[in-house]
């Protein structure tokens, strides 16, 4: 009985640490930004995919939703403003794509994307999903062509680079003993 209580507490502590580390990484990625209008260039998409891939689909999703919840409550965790306005402004489509992309990154890296090349491909597809959702929302505000020119085109090369970097980081973590669960 005592051992199972201790095991439960250790698992709760581990999950709490993963959640806090995920929120911290996501917050830090928000501030690594190149200011642009209407959407800044940040490392958020890389962090979202890595949090999902490393923490797993459920814990990654929990970290991303917690981070967005903090933003909605006004905590300074996003690059381009916090509070409810962030979820109706120009970046809302990107923000709403993050939980989906993070969850799918966790699923992909535990099922079909186990090699460096397949992880790169999965991350490319997830960057495309993020850009598509961001574009769809932004298009309702500024029109489809302007949304593509300001909310998709400037981010394509970065998405390729961040996908490669994410796959490389996972490969390095695998070499150093990250367990795939």
Protein backbone atom coordinates (compact mmCIF):
# COMPACT_ATOMS: atom_id res chain seq x y z
CA UNK A 1 0.00 0.00 0.00
CA UNK A 2 2.72 2.45 1.02
CA UNK A 3 4.74 1.71 -2.15
CA UNK A 4 1.75 2.41 -4.42
CA UNK A 5 1.13 5.74 -2.68
CA UNK A 6 4.78 6.67 -3.17
CA UNK A 7 4.66 5.60 -6.83
CA UNK A 8 1.53 7.70 -7.36
CA UNK A 9 3.18 10.72 -5.79
CA UNK A 10 6.29 10.29 -7.92
CA UNK A 11 4.18 10.06 -11.07
CA UNK A 12 2.23 13.18 -10.06
CA UNK A 13 5.49 15.02 -9.42
CA UNK A 14 6.88 13.87 -12.78
CA UNK A 15 3.75 15.00 -14.63
CA UNK A 16 3.78 18.35 -12.83
CA UNK A 17 7.44 18.86 -13.76
CA UNK A 18 6.69 18.02 -17.41
CA UNK A 19 3.75 20.44 -17.42
CA UNK A 20 5.80 23.27 -15.90
CA UNK A 21 8.75 22.63 -18.22
CA UNK A 22 6.43 22.62 -21.25
CA UNK A 23 4.77 25.90 -20.25
CA UNK A 24 8.21 27.45 -19.57
CA UNK A 25 9.55 26.35 -22.98
CA UNK A 26 6.44 27.63 -24.75
CA UNK A 27 6.66 30.97 -22.94
CA UNK A 28 10.37 31.37 -23.73
CA UNK A 29 9.67 30.53 -27.39
CA UNK A 30 7.14 33.36 -27.52
CA UNK A 31 9.76 35.91 -26.60
CA UNK A 32 12.30 34.71 -29.17
CA UNK A 33 10.51 36.89 -31.70
CA UNK A 34 11.01 39.05 -34.74
CA UNK A 35 8.27 41.69 -34.55
CA UNK A 36 6.12 41.76 -37.68
CA UNK A 37 2.60 42.95 -38.38
CA UNK A 38 0.10 41.35 -38.04
CA UNK A 39 1.90 38.13 -36.99
CA UNK A 40 5.38 38.05 -35.38
CA UNK A 41 7.95 35.40 -36.24
CA UNK A 42 8.63 33.34 -33.10
CA UNK A 43 9.91 29.92 -32.08
CA UNK A 44 6.43 28.96 -30.86
CA UNK A 45 5.72 26.41 -33.58
CA UNK A 46 9.02 24.63 -32.89
CA UNK A 47 8.26 24.58 -29.16
CA UNK A 48 4.69 23.37 -29.70
CA UNK A 49 5.88 20.43 -31.80
CA UNK A 50 8.72 19.57 -29.43
CA UNK A 51 6.51 19.73 -26.34
CA UNK A 52 4.05 17.36 -27.99
CA UNK A 53 6.77 15.04 -29.27
CA UNK A 54 8.78 14.86 -26.04
CA UNK A 55 6.00 15.00 -23.45
CA UNK A 56 3.63 12.81 -25.44
CA UNK A 57 0.21 13.57 -26.87
CA UNK A 58 -1.69 13.96 -23.59
CA UNK A 59 0.95 15.71 -21.49
CA UNK A 60 1.96 17.86 -24.45
CA UNK A 61 -1.66 18.85 -24.98
CA UNK A 62 -2.01 19.61 -21.27
CA UNK A 63 1.08 21.85 -21.33
CA UNK A 64 -0.06 23.72 -24.45
CA UNK A 65 -3.62 24.22 -23.16
CA UNK A 66 -2.24 25.37 -19.78
CA UNK A 67 0.03 27.88 -21.54
CA UNK A 68 -2.86 29.20 -23.62
CA UNK A 69 -5.06 29.30 -20.52
CA UNK A 70 -2.46 31.44 -18.76
CA UNK A 71 -2.43 33.73 -21.81
CA UNK A 72 -6.22 33.99 -21.75
CA UNK A 73 -6.04 34.96 -18.07
CA UNK A 74 -3.60 37.75 -18.95
CA UNK A 75 -0.29 36.20 -17.91
CA UNK A 76 2.60 37.53 -20.04
CA UNK A 77 3.30 34.28 -21.89
CA UNK A 78 2.72 35.30 -25.54
CA UNK A 79 4.78 37.45 -27.88
CA UNK A 80 1.99 39.61 -29.22
CA UNK A 81 -0.26 40.30 -26.25
CA UNK A 82 -2.19 38.33 -23.71
CA UNK A 83 -5.72 38.13 -22.42
CA UNK A 84 -8.89 37.33 -24.31
CA UNK A 85 -7.93 39.74 -27.12
CA UNK A 86 -5.18 37.34 -28.25
CA UNK A 87 -7.86 34.77 -29.05
CA UNK A 88 -9.85 37.02 -31.36
CA UNK A 89 -7.01 39.03 -32.92
CA UNK A 90 -4.85 38.30 -35.97
CA UNK A 91 -2.91 35.45 -34.34
CA UNK A 92 -5.95 33.56 -33.00
CA UNK A 93 -5.95 30.94 -35.77
CA UNK A 94 -2.34 30.09 -35.01
CA UNK A 95 -3.05 29.87 -31.28
CA UNK A 96 -6.02 27.56 -31.80
CA UNK A 97 -3.92 25.31 -34.04
CA UNK A 98 -1.26 24.78 -31.38
CA UNK A 99 -3.09 22.21 -29.19
CA UNK A 100 -4.00 20.18 -32.28
CA UNK A 101 -0.48 20.31 -33.71
CA UNK A 102 1.15 19.48 -30.37
CA UNK A 103 -1.14 16.52 -29.80
CA UNK A 104 -0.54 15.23 -33.33
CA UNK A 105 3.24 15.66 -32.91
CA UNK A 106 3.05 13.42 -29.86
CA UNK A 107 0.98 10.82 -31.71
CA UNK A 108 3.18 10.92 -34.82
CA UNK A 109 6.49 10.54 -32.99
CA UNK A 110 5.16 7.55 -31.08
CA UNK A 111 3.66 5.77 -34.07
CA UNK A 112 4.72 6.56 -37.65
CA UNK A 113 7.49 9.16 -37.30
CA UNK A 114 10.37 7.34 -35.66
CA UNK A 115 13.19 8.19 -38.05
CA UNK A 116 14.80 11.58 -38.59
CA UNK A 117 13.31 11.84 -42.08
CA UNK A 118 9.80 10.80 -41.05
CA UNK A 119 9.87 13.22 -38.09
CA UNK A 120 10.93 16.00 -40.44
CA UNK A 121 8.01 15.10 -42.74
CA UNK A 122 5.55 14.99 -39.85
CA UNK A 123 6.78 18.35 -38.55
CA UNK A 124 6.48 19.85 -42.05
CA UNK A 125 2.89 18.62 -42.28
CA UNK A 126 2.12 20.03 -38.83
CA UNK A 127 3.67 23.39 -39.74
CA UNK A 128 1.42 23.37 -42.82
CA UNK A 129 -1.59 22.71 -40.55
CA UNK A 130 -0.60 25.60 -38.27
CA UNK A 131 -0.16 27.95 -41.24
CA UNK A 132 -3.45 26.84 -42.79
CA UNK A 133 -5.41 27.47 -39.59
CA UNK A 134 -3.62 30.78 -39.04
CA UNK A 135 -4.35 31.81 -42.62
CA UNK A 136 -8.01 30.81 -42.38
CA UNK A 137 -8.59 33.01 -39.34
CA UNK A 138 -6.48 35.91 -40.59
CA UNK A 139 -8.32 35.80 -43.95
CA UNK A 140 -11.56 36.62 -42.14
CA UNK A 141 -9.94 39.78 -40.81
CA UNK A 142 -7.83 41.10 -43.71
CA UNK A 143 -8.87 38.99 -46.71
CA UNK A 144 -7.37 35.81 -48.20
CA UNK A 145 -4.60 37.33 -50.33
CA UNK A 146 -3.37 39.74 -47.66
CA UNK A 147 -3.55 36.92 -45.10
CA UNK A 148 -1.38 34.71 -47.29
CA UNK A 149 1.14 37.47 -47.94
CA UNK A 150 1.47 38.50 -44.30
CA UNK A 151 0.52 35.36 -42.38
CA UNK A 152 1.79 32.43 -44.45
CA UNK A 153 4.45 33.35 -47.01
CA UNK A 154 6.92 34.88 -44.50
CA UNK A 155 6.71 31.71 -42.38
CA UNK A 156 7.27 28.98 -44.99
CA UNK A 157 11.07 28.97 -44.92
CA UNK A 158 11.02 29.20 -41.12
CA UNK A 159 8.67 26.23 -40.97
CA UNK A 160 11.09 24.16 -43.03
CA UNK A 161 14.03 25.20 -40.83
CA UNK A 162 12.10 24.62 -37.58
CA UNK A 163 10.92 21.21 -38.85
CA UNK A 164 14.50 20.17 -39.55
CA UNK A 165 15.69 21.58 -36.23
CA UNK A 166 12.90 19.80 -34.36
CA UNK A 167 13.75 16.47 -35.99
CA UNK A 168 17.44 17.03 -35.18
CA UNK A 169 16.67 17.87 -31.55
CA UNK A 170 14.62 14.67 -31.21
CA UNK A 171 17.46 12.67 -32.77
CA UNK A 172 19.88 14.18 -30.25
CA UNK A 173 17.51 13.45 -27.37
CA UNK A 174 17.15 9.85 -28.58
CA UNK A 175 20.94 9.45 -28.57
CA UNK A 176 21.05 10.76 -25.02
CA UNK A 177 18.46 8.36 -23.71
CA UNK A 178 15.03 9.95 -24.17
CA UNK A 179 12.58 7.13 -23.80
CA UNK A 180 9.80 6.89 -26.37
CA UNK A 181 6.55 6.23 -24.51
